[in-house]
Structure formats: C-alpha cells, structure tokens
C-alpha cells in the first residue's frame, strides 16, 4: 500500500479514528500496520455478527418461551406481566419498550413483538426479580443443557453475566468501534455457552458457519 493510498484512506476514515489503531502497542506506531489492524478489526467485527445473530435470536425465543409458561402466549399484552417489569432501569424504560414494541401489532402475534424489543429487555428479564415467577420454575426447561449441578439462580446469573458482556461487544460492533481490547476468545466462549445451554445442535451449526475464529488467528 502506497503513501498516497494511506493518505486517501486516512481522509476517508479520519485520522482520529485511525489513531486508535496506529498507536496500538502491538504495531509500534507503524502507519501501514495500523491500517491493516483497522481492516482486521472491521473483518473480525463483521464475522462476529453471525454468532451474535444466532445468540440473540436464541436468547429472545428462549426467554419468550419461559415468559409464556407463566403469563401465557399473549404475554406482551398481559397487564400483570407489564406491571411485573420495572418502569425504568437507568435510562432504559422497560415498560415503555414493551408498549411501543406491541403497538400496531394485533394481539396473538407475539412473534412479531419479539424482534421489536431492545436487547436490554432480554437482559433485564434475567434479573433476580423474575426468579420466583419465571426462572425457578422454568429455567432448567428453557435452557436444558445448562450444567445439572447449577441451581436455577446460578444458571440465570451466568446467563445474565454472559449477556451483559455480549451486549457490550454487540454495541461496539454495531457502532463500528474498535473491539481490540476485548478478550475475543472469551467473547466467543460466552456466545457458545448461551446457545449451547439452549440447543447443542444450534451451537454446533454456529461453529460450522462462523468465520470469526479463523479471522481471529489472522491478526496483523
């Protein structure tokens, strides 16, 4: 890559954005290596979208199943379920999210509401406030391949911890930010664990389809 090409790419992506990669200790300030590192970060982020996709769809369907066992198949429209949710968690308005997600969707079409809910909704469903009604009775059936020695609360806590970290890397990928400082191998372990506790076949298919681990080995 020539200096002119590096200049053009720098103008396109901005020097401030590229400085994260050009100043990274692993490439000792070398501009060309920094550009390769930027491209690798973009490729790795793109490859991560497939396991993130599999994990998110797996989780929200699993949690919806557990909610259904307690509140029925029309749970998005059930007032007692809505009132079981916190009004606000930090800046996230959980009840409002559900109300907006179901808006314009005819009751009985829960499957259309599920993808409209924010990732934060599913993460907040894994808090201890739902242990009594949802997780103690249903989590071992919802995530049947979780280790048998773990209690219901321990399974829920591990899933919550995993999803919290998955949310962080998901948000960085979605906003095209650097994921260089992430423990990439551990991130993939979390994705495997969440999917695998639900369905081993799905976890194996994810492993078959993903290119993340290959690109990870190609780091400049």
C-alpha atoms as a PDB file:
ATOM      1  CA  UNK A   1       0.000   0.000   0.000  1.00  0.00           C
ATOM      2  CA  UNK A   2       1.445   3.350  -1.072  1.00  0.00           C
ATOM      3  CA  UNK A   3       1.610   6.546   0.973  1.00  0.00           C
ATOM      4  CA  UNK A   4      -0.980   8.086  -1.378  1.00  0.00           C
ATOM      5  CA  UNK A   5      -3.344   5.205  -0.683  1.00  0.00           C
ATOM      6  CA  UNK A   6      -2.759   5.530   3.050  1.00  0.00           C
ATOM      7  CA  UNK A   7      -3.467   9.270   2.797  1.00  0.00           C
ATOM      8  CA  UNK A   8      -6.708   8.606   0.913  1.00  0.00           C
ATOM      9  CA  UNK A   9      -7.886   6.036   3.459  1.00  0.00           C
ATOM     10  CA  UNK A  10      -6.995   8.374   6.300  1.00  0.00           C
ATOM     11  CA  UNK A  11      -9.076  11.152   4.755  1.00  0.00           C
ATOM     12  CA  UNK A  12     -11.992   8.729   4.324  1.00  0.00           C
ATOM     13  CA  UNK A  13     -11.951   7.159   7.789  1.00  0.00           C
ATOM     14  CA  UNK A  14     -10.468  10.167   9.677  1.00  0.00           C
ATOM     15  CA  UNK A  15      -7.146  10.426  11.472  1.00  0.00           C
ATOM     16  CA  UNK A  16      -8.811  10.457  14.877  1.00  0.00           C
ATOM     17  CA  UNK A  17     -10.489   7.113  14.225  1.00  0.00           C
ATOM     18  CA  UNK A  18      -7.348   5.532  12.807  1.00  0.00           C
ATOM     19  CA  UNK A  19      -5.161   6.795  15.648  1.00  0.00           C
ATOM     20  CA  UNK A  20      -6.634   4.037  17.845  1.00  0.00           C
ATOM     21  CA  UNK A  21      -5.035   1.500  15.534  1.00  0.00           C
ATOM     22  CA  UNK A  22      -1.889   3.358  14.517  1.00  0.00           C
ATOM     23  CA  UNK A  23      -0.943   3.978  18.152  1.00  0.00           C
ATOM     24  CA  UNK A  24      -1.685   0.444  19.305  1.00  0.00           C
ATOM     25  CA  UNK A  25       1.335  -1.075  21.111  1.00  0.00           C
ATOM     26  CA  UNK A  26       1.195  -4.271  19.067  1.00  0.00           C
ATOM     27  CA  UNK A  27       2.088  -2.415  15.856  1.00  0.00           C
ATOM     28  CA  UNK A  28       4.577   0.098  17.361  1.00  0.00           C
ATOM     29  CA  UNK A  29       3.094   3.130  15.645  1.00  0.00           C
ATOM     30  CA  UNK A  30       3.669   1.821  12.110  1.00  0.00           C
ATOM     31  CA  UNK A  31       1.067   3.502   9.910  1.00  0.00           C
ATOM     32  CA  UNK A  32       0.730   0.653   7.398  1.00  0.00           C
ATOM     33  CA  UNK A  33       0.339  -1.943  10.117  1.00  0.00           C
ATOM     34  CA  UNK A  34      -2.182   0.316  11.799  1.00  0.00           C
ATOM     35  CA  UNK A  35      -4.276   0.372   8.628  1.00  0.00           C
ATOM     36  CA  UNK A  36      -4.072  -3.416   8.386  1.00  0.00           C
ATOM     37  CA  UNK A  37      -5.170  -3.609  12.023  1.00  0.00           C
ATOM     38  CA  UNK A  38      -8.124  -1.333  11.249  1.00  0.00           C
ATOM     39  CA  UNK A  39      -9.155  -3.586   8.382  1.00  0.00           C
ATOM     40  CA  UNK A  40      -8.743  -6.669  10.563  1.00  0.00           C
ATOM     41  CA  UNK A  41     -10.901  -5.146  13.300  1.00  0.00           C
ATOM     42  CA  UNK A  42     -13.615  -4.448  10.692  1.00  0.00           C
ATOM     43  CA  UNK A  43     -13.399  -8.004   9.324  1.00  0.00           C
ATOM     44  CA  UNK A  44     -13.484  -9.508  12.808  1.00  0.00           C
ATOM     45  CA  UNK A  45     -16.495  -7.375  13.732  1.00  0.00           C
ATOM     46  CA  UNK A  46     -18.324  -8.440  10.575  1.00  0.00           C
ATOM     47  CA  UNK A  47     -17.574 -12.098  11.293  1.00  0.00           C
ATOM     48  CA  UNK A  48     -18.847 -11.684  14.847  1.00  0.00           C
ATOM     49  CA  UNK A  49     -22.287 -10.697  13.544  1.00  0.00           C
ATOM     50  CA  UNK A  50     -23.193 -14.301  12.715  1.00  0.00           C
ATOM     51  CA  UNK A  51     -22.695 -15.743  16.218  1.00  0.00           C
ATOM     52  CA  UNK A  52     -24.233 -12.587  17.702  1.00  0.00           C
ATOM     53  CA  UNK A  53     -27.247 -13.140  15.442  1.00  0.00           C
ATOM     54  CA  UNK A  54     -27.590 -16.792  16.465  1.00  0.00           C
ATOM     55  CA  UNK A  55     -27.169 -15.943  20.142  1.00  0.00           C
ATOM     56  CA  UNK A  56     -29.646 -13.059  20.214  1.00  0.00           C
ATOM     57  CA  UNK A  57     -32.380 -14.946  18.381  1.00  0.00           C
ATOM     58  CA  UNK A  58     -31.795 -17.995  20.595  1.00  0.00           C
ATOM     59  CA  UNK A  59     -31.995 -15.947  23.780  1.00  0.00           C
ATOM     60  CA  UNK A  60     -35.061 -13.920  22.986  1.00  0.00           C
ATOM     61  CA  UNK A  61     -37.002 -17.001  21.832  1.00  0.00           C
ATOM     62  CA  UNK A  62     -35.932 -18.923  24.939  1.00  0.00           C
ATOM     63  CA  UNK A  63     -36.925 -16.109  27.276  1.00  0.00           C
ATOM     64  CA  UNK A  64     -40.213 -15.644  25.436  1.00  0.00           C
ATOM     65  CA  UNK A  65     -40.902 -19.347  25.961  1.00  0.00           C
ATOM     66  CA  UNK A  66     -40.255 -19.012  29.700  1.00  0.00           C
ATOM     67  CA  UNK A  67     -42.480 -15.938  29.966  1.00  0.00           C
ATOM     68  CA  UNK A  68     -45.197 -17.808  28.067  1.00  0.00           C
ATOM     69  CA  UNK A  69     -45.122 -20.637  30.607  1.00  0.00           C
ATOM     70  CA  UNK A  70     -46.001 -18.125  33.336  1.00  0.00           C
ATOM     71  CA  UNK A  71     -48.085 -15.454  31.605  1.00  0.00           C
ATOM     72  CA  UNK A  72     -49.446 -17.231  28.532  1.00  0.00           C
ATOM     73  CA  UNK A  73     -48.738 -16.898  24.800  1.00  0.00           C
ATOM     74  CA  UNK A  74     -50.109 -13.343  24.658  1.00  0.00           C
ATOM     75  CA  UNK A  75     -47.716 -12.101  27.340  1.00  0.00           C
ATOM     76  CA  UNK A  76     -46.876  -8.808  25.578  1.00  0.00           C
ATOM     77  CA  UNK A  77     -50.494  -7.722  26.128  1.00  0.00           C
ATOM     78  CA  UNK A  78     -50.909  -9.066  29.666  1.00  0.00           C
ATOM     79  CA  UNK A  79     -51.249  -6.246  32.197  1.00  0.00           C
ATOM     80  CA  UNK A  80     -49.932  -8.400  35.040  1.00  0.00           C
ATOM     81  CA  UNK A  81     -46.759  -9.068  33.061  1.00  0.00           C
ATOM     82  CA  UNK A  82     -46.327  -5.389  32.185  1.00  0.00           C
ATOM     83  CA  UNK A  83     -46.676  -4.452  35.847  1.00  0.00           C
ATOM     84  CA  UNK A  84     -44.044  -7.032  36.813  1.00  0.00           C
ATOM     85  CA  UNK A  85     -41.472  -5.025  34.860  1.00  0.00           C
ATOM     86  CA  UNK A  86     -39.539  -2.073  36.288  1.00  0.00           C
ATOM     87  CA  UNK A  87     -40.665   1.243  34.882  1.00  0.00           C
ATOM     88  CA  UNK A  88     -37.091   2.377  34.378  1.00  0.00           C
ATOM     89  CA  UNK A  89     -33.609   0.847  34.617  1.00  0.00           C
ATOM     90  CA  UNK A  90     -31.075   3.650  34.354  1.00  0.00           C
ATOM     91  CA  UNK A  91     -32.138   5.429  31.179  1.00  0.00           C
ATOM     92  CA  UNK A  92     -33.872   2.371  29.777  1.00  0.00           C
ATOM     93  CA  UNK A  93     -37.674   2.464  30.085  1.00  0.00           C
ATOM     94  CA  UNK A  94     -38.605  -1.202  30.107  1.00  0.00           C
ATOM     95  CA  UNK A  95     -42.394  -0.948  30.286  1.00  0.00           C
ATOM     96  CA  UNK A  96     -42.414   1.698  27.594  1.00  0.00           C
ATOM     97  CA  UNK A  97     -40.237  -0.502  25.380  1.00  0.00           C
ATOM     98  CA  UNK A  98     -42.816  -3.297  25.579  1.00  0.00           C
ATOM     99  CA  UNK A  99     -45.716  -0.908  24.981  1.00  0.00           C
ATOM    100  CA  UNK A 100     -44.008   0.548  21.899  1.00  0.00           C
ATOM    101  CA  UNK A 101     -42.955  -2.861  20.599  1.00  0.00           C
ATOM    102  CA  UNK A 102     -46.518  -4.206  20.619  1.00  0.00           C
ATOM    103  CA  UNK A 103     -48.010  -1.011  19.179  1.00  0.00           C
ATOM    104  CA  UNK A 104     -49.829  -1.685  15.916  1.00  0.00           C
ATOM    105  CA  UNK A 105     -49.467  -5.459  16.285  1.00  0.00           C
ATOM    106  CA  UNK A 106     -52.630  -7.461  16.718  1.00  0.00           C
ATOM    107  CA  UNK A 107     -52.863  -9.457  19.950  1.00  0.00           C
ATOM    108  CA  UNK A 108     -51.864 -13.049  19.333  1.00  0.00           C
ATOM    109  CA  UNK A 109     -48.847 -12.143  17.172  1.00  0.00           C
ATOM    110  CA  UNK A 110     -46.231 -12.372  19.898  1.00  0.00           C
ATOM    111  CA  UNK A 111     -43.655 -13.500  17.334  1.00  0.00           C
ATOM    112  CA  UNK A 112     -43.869 -10.082  15.701  1.00  0.00           C
ATOM    113  CA  UNK A 113     -43.328  -8.274  19.007  1.00  0.00           C
ATOM    114  CA  UNK A 114     -40.211 -10.237  19.982  1.00  0.00           C
ATOM    115  CA  UNK A 115     -37.797  -8.711  17.398  1.00  0.00           C
ATOM    116  CA  UNK A 116     -39.092  -5.197  18.148  1.00  0.00           C
ATOM    117  CA  UNK A 117     -37.866  -5.321  21.743  1.00  0.00           C
ATOM    118  CA  UNK A 118     -34.439  -3.938  22.573  1.00  0.00           C
ATOM    119  CA  UNK A 119     -31.605  -6.268  23.600  1.00  0.00           C
ATOM    120  CA  UNK A 120     -31.766  -4.589  27.004  1.00  0.00           C
ATOM    121  CA  UNK A 121     -35.259  -6.013  27.504  1.00  0.00           C
ATOM    122  CA  UNK A 122     -33.976  -9.579  27.331  1.00  0.00           C
ATOM    123  CA  UNK A 123     -31.029  -8.787  29.565  1.00  0.00           C
ATOM    124  CA  UNK A 124     -33.335  -7.260  32.172  1.00  0.00           C
ATOM    125  CA  UNK A 125     -35.556 -10.336  32.082  1.00  0.00           C
ATOM    126  CA  UNK A 126     -32.597 -12.241  33.526  1.00  0.00           C
ATOM    127  CA  UNK A 127     -32.531 -10.298  36.794  1.00  0.00           C
ATOM    128  CA  UNK A 128     -33.421 -11.867  40.129  1.00  0.00           C
ATOM    129  CA  UNK A 129     -36.767 -10.032  40.281  1.00  0.00           C
ATOM    130  CA  UNK A 130     -38.144 -12.701  37.919  1.00  0.00           C
ATOM    131  CA  UNK A 131     -36.759 -15.727  39.795  1.00  0.00           C
ATOM    132  CA  UNK A 132     -39.954 -16.543  41.686  1.00  0.00           C
ATOM    133  CA  UNK A 133     -42.440 -16.433  38.827  1.00  0.00           C
ATOM    134  CA  UNK A 134     -40.302 -17.373  35.823  1.00  0.00           C
ATOM    135  CA  UNK A 135     -36.793 -18.687  36.408  1.00  0.00           C
ATOM    136  CA  UNK A 136     -37.000 -21.003  39.397  1.00  0.00           C
ATOM    137  CA  UNK A 137     -39.897 -22.913  37.830  1.00  0.00           C
ATOM    138  CA  UNK A 138     -38.782 -22.794  34.201  1.00  0.00           C
ATOM    139  CA  UNK A 139     -35.109 -22.051  33.569  1.00  0.00           C
ATOM    140  CA  UNK A 140     -33.932 -25.665  33.576  1.00  0.00           C
ATOM    141  CA  UNK A 141     -36.527 -26.483  30.938  1.00  0.00           C
ATOM    142  CA  UNK A 142     -35.770 -23.369  28.935  1.00  0.00           C
ATOM    143  CA  UNK A 143     -32.006 -23.951  28.998  1.00  0.00           C
ATOM    144  CA  UNK A 144     -31.978 -27.746  29.370  1.00  0.00           C
ATOM    145  CA  UNK A 145     -28.279 -28.230  28.663  1.00  0.00           C
ATOM    146  CA  UNK A 146     -27.017 -25.960  31.431  1.00  0.00           C
ATOM    147  CA  UNK A 147     -24.813 -27.922  33.858  1.00  0.00           C
ATOM    148  CA  UNK A 148     -27.013 -30.037  36.089  1.00  0.00           C
ATOM    149  CA  UNK A 149     -25.125 -29.091  39.266  1.00  0.00           C
ATOM    150  CA  UNK A 150     -26.042 -25.414  38.881  1.00  0.00           C
ATOM    151  CA  UNK A 151     -29.103 -24.089  40.679  1.00  0.00           C
ATOM    152  CA  UNK A 152     -31.795 -22.139  38.863  1.00  0.00           C
ATOM    153  CA  UNK A 153     -30.427 -18.875  40.253  1.00  0.00           C
ATOM    154  CA  UNK A 154     -26.869 -19.789  39.243  1.00  0.00           C
ATOM    155  CA  UNK A 155     -27.948 -20.568  35.677  1.00  0.00           C
ATOM    156  CA  UNK A 156     -29.851 -17.300  35.447  1.00  0.00           C
ATOM    157  CA  UNK A 157     -26.923 -15.371  36.937  1.00  0.00           C
ATOM    158  CA  UNK A 158     -24.422 -16.887  34.478  1.00  0.00           C
ATOM    159  CA  UNK A 159     -26.673 -16.139  31.523  1.00  0.00           C
ATOM    160  CA  UNK A 160     -27.145 -12.583  32.755  1.00  0.00           C
ATOM    161  CA  UNK A 161     -23.386 -12.110  33.115  1.00  0.00           C
ATOM    162  CA  UNK A 162     -22.741 -13.548  29.652  1.00  0.00           C
ATOM    163  CA  UNK A 163     -25.412 -11.413  28.018  1.00  0.00           C
ATOM    164  CA  UNK A 164     -24.120  -8.280  29.705  1.00  0.00           C
ATOM    165  CA  UNK A 165     -20.703  -8.818  28.104  1.00  0.00           C
ATOM    166  CA  UNK A 166     -22.276  -9.846  24.799  1.00  0.00           C
ATOM    167  CA  UNK A 167     -24.281  -6.614  24.818  1.00  0.00           C
ATOM    168  CA  UNK A 168     -21.089  -4.591  25.235  1.00  0.00           C
ATOM    169  CA  UNK A 169     -19.318  -6.172  22.279  1.00  0.00           C
ATOM    170  CA  UNK A 170     -22.548  -6.138  20.235  1.00  0.00           C
ATOM    171  CA  UNK A 171     -22.895  -2.376  20.763  1.00  0.00           C
ATOM    172  CA  UNK A 172     -19.292  -1.724  19.765  1.00  0.00           C
ATOM    173  CA  UNK A 173     -19.686  -3.806  16.624  1.00  0.00           C
ATOM    174  CA  UNK A 174     -22.984  -2.103  15.765  1.00  0.00           C
ATOM    175  CA  UNK A 175     -21.360   1.335  16.071  1.00  0.00           C
ATOM    176  CA  UNK A 176     -18.241   0.307  14.120  1.00  0.00           C
ATOM    177  CA  UNK A 177     -15.958   0.857  17.085  1.00  0.00           C
ATOM    178  CA  UNK A 178     -12.734  -0.922  17.996  1.00  0.00           C
ATOM    179  CA  UNK A 179     -13.005  -4.307  19.704  1.00  0.00           C
ATOM    180  CA  UNK A 180      -9.219  -4.661  20.012  1.00  0.00           C
ATOM    181  CA  UNK A 181      -9.284  -4.573  23.803  1.00  0.00           C
ATOM    182  CA  UNK A 182     -11.843  -7.379  24.064  1.00  0.00           C
ATOM    183  CA  UNK A 183     -10.875 -10.900  25.051  1.00  0.00           C
ATOM    184  CA  UNK A 184     -12.109 -12.305  21.756  1.00  0.00           C
ATOM    185  CA  UNK A 185     -11.750 -15.965  22.668  1.00  0.00           C
ATOM    186  CA  UNK A 186     -13.750 -15.404  25.855  1.00  0.00           C
ATOM    187  CA  UNK A 187     -16.424 -13.498  23.953  1.00  0.00           C
ATOM    188  CA  UNK A 188     -16.901 -16.488  21.665  1.00  0.00           C
ATOM    189  CA  UNK A 189     -16.983 -18.871  24.632  1.00  0.00           C
ATOM    190  CA  UNK A 190     -19.846 -16.811  26.073  1.00  0.00           C
ATOM    191  CA  UNK A 191     -21.762 -16.991  22.793  1.00  0.00           C
ATOM    192  CA  UNK A 192     -21.204 -20.752  22.606  1.00  0.00           C
ATOM    193  CA  UNK A 193     -22.313 -21.232  26.195  1.00  0.00           C
ATOM    194  CA  UNK A 194     -25.553 -19.270  25.855  1.00  0.00           C
ATOM    195  CA  UNK A 195     -26.547 -21.006  22.615  1.00  0.00           C
ATOM    196  CA  UNK A 196     -25.288 -24.412  23.757  1.00  0.00           C
ATOM    197  CA  UNK A 197     -27.241 -24.338  27.012  1.00  0.00           C
ATOM    198  CA  UNK A 198     -30.362 -23.937  24.902  1.00  0.00           C
ATOM    199  CA  UNK A 199     -29.599 -26.274  21.973  1.00  0.00           C
ATOM    200  CA  UNK A 200     -26.427 -28.197  21.172  1.00  0.00           C
ATOM    201  CA  UNK A 201     -27.415 -28.651  17.518  1.00  0.00           C
ATOM    202  CA  UNK A 202     -27.699 -24.886  17.095  1.00  0.00           C
ATOM    203  CA  UNK A 203     -24.337 -24.344  18.835  1.00  0.00           C
ATOM    204  CA  UNK A 204     -22.679 -26.887  16.535  1.00  0.00           C
ATOM    205  CA  UNK A 205     -24.214 -25.273  13.454  1.00  0.00           C
ATOM    206  CA  UNK A 206     -22.998 -21.882  14.650  1.00  0.00           C
ATOM    207  CA  UNK A 207     -19.487 -23.313  14.993  1.00  0.00           C
ATOM    208  CA  UNK A 208     -19.745 -24.725  11.482  1.00  0.00           C
ATOM    209  CA  UNK A 209     -20.912 -21.460   9.920  1.00  0.00           C
ATOM    210  CA  UNK A 210     -18.784 -18.908  11.767  1.00  0.00           C
ATOM    211  CA  UNK A 211     -15.544 -17.416  10.381  1.00  0.00           C
ATOM    212  CA  UNK A 212     -14.758 -15.391  13.499  1.00  0.00           C
ATOM    213  CA  UNK A 213     -12.212 -17.822  14.955  1.00  0.00           C
ATOM    214  CA  UNK A 214     -10.345 -18.079  11.644  1.00  0.00           C
ATOM    215  CA  UNK A 215     -10.105 -14.297  11.251  1.00  0.00           C
ATOM    216  CA  UNK A 216      -9.043 -14.046  14.874  1.00  0.00           C
ATOM    217  CA  UNK A 217      -5.960 -16.127  14.044  1.00  0.00           C
ATOM    218  CA  UNK A 218      -5.069 -13.734  11.197  1.00  0.00           C
ATOM    219  CA  UNK A 219      -4.459 -10.703  13.385  1.00  0.00           C
ATOM    220  CA  UNK A 220      -1.755  -8.448  11.852  1.00  0.00           C
END
